[in-house]
Amino acid sequence: MANLTINGKKIEIDVEPDTPLLWAIRENIGLTGTKYGCGIAQCGACTVHVDGVAMRSCGMLVSEADGKAITTIEGLAADGKLHKVQQAWIDHDVPQCGYCQTGMIMAVAALLKDTPKPTDEEINEAITNICRCGTFAQVREAIHAVANA
């Protein structure tokens, strides 16, 4: 049994310790906003926050997440209000197909928590998520809009 804290709720699930956190979140808990992309922690579609740090959940084992606070895209909004990054995504029409966007939003939210006014270079270094639609210009625009709000 694994004891996870996801979006502020303690959850006990029956999985092997070497189960990727992504599969526990999606298949065992039913939070499908976190997406499977590559399975090798490269694309970022599966990004969640673990103790406030953006992590690729396909590359993290459930045993490594035990006792840590995990936030998924479903837990990013608070008190019925979208997170400022989620709102910026809407305001700046960032998504096209949208598949990678939950992971991208989670990565950007972590960046802005640690670096409230990032430079383009800091954005390039921190946001390594892959978007096949190529919405990187809109992503940068939304990041700067949040940073300058």
Protein backbone atom coordinates (compact mmCIF):
# COMPACT_ATOMS: atom_id res chain seq x y z
CA MET A 1 0.00 0.00 0.00
CA ALA A 2 1.13 3.50 -0.78
CA ASN A 3 0.07 6.56 1.17
CA LEU A 4 0.03 9.62 -1.03
CA THR A 5 -1.09 13.18 -0.41
CA ILE A 6 -2.54 14.51 -3.64
CA ASN A 7 -4.12 17.94 -3.88
CA GLY A 8 -4.27 18.10 -0.10
CA LYS A 9 -6.05 14.75 0.35
CA LYS A 10 -4.46 11.69 1.89
CA ILE A 11 -5.04 8.70 -0.36
CA GLU A 12 -4.12 5.06 0.22
CA ILE A 13 -3.72 2.96 -2.91
CA ASP A 14 -2.71 -0.62 -3.51
CA VAL A 15 0.16 -0.45 -6.02
CA GLU A 16 3.67 -1.82 -6.26
CA PRO A 17 6.35 0.57 -4.92
CA ASP A 18 7.98 0.73 -8.38
CA THR A 19 4.80 1.94 -10.07
CA PRO A 20 5.38 5.26 -11.83
CA LEU A 21 3.60 8.08 -10.01
CA LEU A 22 1.89 9.03 -13.28
CA TRP A 23 0.05 5.71 -13.47
CA ALA A 24 -1.00 5.87 -9.82
CA ILE A 25 -2.41 9.37 -10.37
CA ARG A 26 -4.24 8.50 -13.61
CA GLU A 27 -5.24 4.86 -13.24
CA ASN A 28 -5.61 4.33 -9.51
CA ILE A 29 -6.80 7.74 -8.37
CA GLY A 30 -8.59 8.79 -11.56
CA LEU A 31 -7.06 12.25 -12.02
CA THR A 32 -6.57 12.27 -15.77
CA GLY A 33 -5.40 15.86 -16.23
CA THR A 34 -1.82 14.67 -15.86
CA LYS A 35 -0.97 13.26 -19.29
CA TYR A 36 1.23 10.47 -20.56
CA GLY A 37 3.50 11.70 -23.31
CA CYS A 38 6.83 9.95 -23.71
CA GLY A 39 7.26 7.76 -20.62
CA ILE A 40 10.91 8.76 -20.22
CA ALA A 41 10.55 12.12 -18.41
CA GLN A 42 11.50 14.16 -21.46
CA CYS A 43 8.36 15.81 -22.85
CA GLY A 44 6.82 17.21 -19.67
CA ALA A 45 3.16 16.31 -20.35
CA CYS A 46 3.10 14.50 -16.99
CA THR A 47 4.47 17.40 -14.91
CA VAL A 48 3.11 17.72 -11.36
CA HIS A 49 4.39 19.52 -8.29
CA VAL A 50 6.08 17.40 -5.62
CA ASP A 51 6.65 19.44 -2.48
CA GLY A 52 6.26 22.53 -4.70
CA VAL A 53 8.84 21.47 -7.28
CA ALA A 54 7.86 20.69 -10.87
CA MET A 55 8.56 16.98 -11.47
CA ARG A 56 7.84 14.64 -14.35
CA SER A 57 5.63 12.02 -12.79
CA CYS A 58 6.37 9.29 -15.34
CA GLY A 59 9.95 9.21 -14.05
CA MET A 60 9.10 9.17 -10.35
CA LEU A 61 8.14 6.02 -8.48
CA VAL A 62 5.25 5.89 -6.04
CA SER A 63 7.74 4.89 -3.33
CA GLU A 64 9.66 8.13 -3.96
CA ALA A 65 6.46 10.19 -3.63
CA ASP A 66 5.41 8.68 -0.31
CA GLY A 67 5.13 11.38 2.35
CA LYS A 68 5.42 14.24 -0.13
CA ALA A 69 2.76 16.78 -1.11
CA ILE A 70 1.72 16.20 -4.71
CA THR A 71 -0.27 18.77 -6.67
CA THR A 72 -1.81 17.93 -10.03
CA ILE A 73 -3.47 20.29 -12.50
CA GLU A 74 -6.79 19.45 -10.80
CA GLY A 75 -5.45 20.90 -7.54
CA LEU A 76 -3.82 24.03 -8.93
CA ALA A 77 -6.92 26.24 -8.77
CA ALA A 78 -8.00 27.29 -5.29
CA ASP A 79 -11.34 28.27 -3.81
CA GLY A 80 -13.11 28.04 -7.16
CA LYS A 81 -10.68 30.49 -8.77
CA LEU A 82 -8.26 29.56 -11.52
CA HIS A 83 -4.55 29.84 -10.78
CA LYS A 84 -3.07 32.96 -12.40
CA VAL A 85 -1.21 30.79 -14.94
CA GLN A 86 -4.39 28.95 -15.90
CA GLN A 87 -6.12 32.29 -16.41
CA ALA A 88 -3.22 33.61 -18.49
CA TRP A 89 -3.47 30.52 -20.69
CA ILE A 90 -7.08 31.42 -21.44
CA ASP A 91 -6.42 35.14 -21.82
CA HIS A 92 -3.57 34.55 -24.28
CA ASP A 93 -5.12 31.65 -26.23
CA VAL A 94 -2.11 29.44 -25.51
CA PRO A 95 -3.37 25.92 -26.25
CA GLN A 96 -3.97 24.53 -29.68
CA CYS A 97 -4.48 20.77 -29.35
CA GLY A 98 -3.96 21.21 -25.60
CA TYR A 99 -2.46 17.80 -24.86
CA CYS A 100 0.78 19.10 -23.37
CA GLN A 101 -0.74 22.13 -21.71
CA THR A 102 -1.48 20.73 -18.26
CA GLY A 103 2.17 19.81 -17.84
CA MET A 104 3.26 23.14 -19.29
CA ILE A 105 0.98 25.04 -16.88
CA MET A 106 2.39 23.10 -13.92
CA ALA A 107 5.97 23.82 -15.01
CA VAL A 108 5.23 27.53 -15.49
CA ALA A 109 3.44 27.80 -12.13
CA ALA A 110 6.53 26.36 -10.41
CA LEU A 111 8.84 28.70 -12.34
CA LEU A 112 6.82 31.78 -11.39
CA LYS A 113 6.68 30.70 -7.73
CA ASP A 114 10.48 30.58 -7.63
CA THR A 115 11.21 33.34 -10.17
CA PRO A 116 8.32 35.84 -10.22
CA LYS A 117 9.76 37.91 -13.08
CA PRO A 118 11.75 35.53 -15.26
CA THR A 119 13.86 36.67 -18.17
CA ASP A 120 13.58 34.95 -21.53
CA GLU A 121 16.78 33.06 -20.72
CA GLU A 122 15.34 31.84 -17.40
CA ILE A 123 12.16 30.75 -19.18
CA ASN A 124 14.23 28.86 -21.77
CA GLU A 125 16.18 27.09 -19.03
CA ALA A 126 13.19 26.20 -16.86
CA ILE A 127 10.46 25.38 -19.36
CA THR A 128 11.72 22.38 -21.30
CA ASN A 129 8.28 20.90 -21.95
CA ILE A 130 7.65 19.91 -25.54
CA CYS A 131 4.66 21.27 -27.47
CA ARG A 132 4.24 19.71 -30.90
CA CYS A 133 1.86 22.50 -31.93
CA GLY A 134 4.60 25.05 -31.33
CA THR A 135 2.77 27.40 -28.95
CA PHE A 136 6.01 28.53 -27.35
CA ALA A 137 5.51 32.18 -28.36
CA GLN A 138 2.09 32.23 -26.68
CA VAL A 139 3.54 30.45 -23.63
CA ARG A 140 6.23 33.12 -23.28
CA GLU A 141 3.64 35.88 -23.75
CA ALA A 142 1.43 34.38 -21.02
CA ILE A 143 4.41 33.98 -18.66
CA HIS A 144 5.41 37.63 -19.10
CA ALA A 145 1.79 38.74 -18.65
CA VAL A 146 1.59 36.96 -15.28
CA ALA A 147 5.00 38.25 -14.25
CA ASN A 148 4.03 41.84 -15.08
CA ALA A 149 0.56 41.74 -13.52
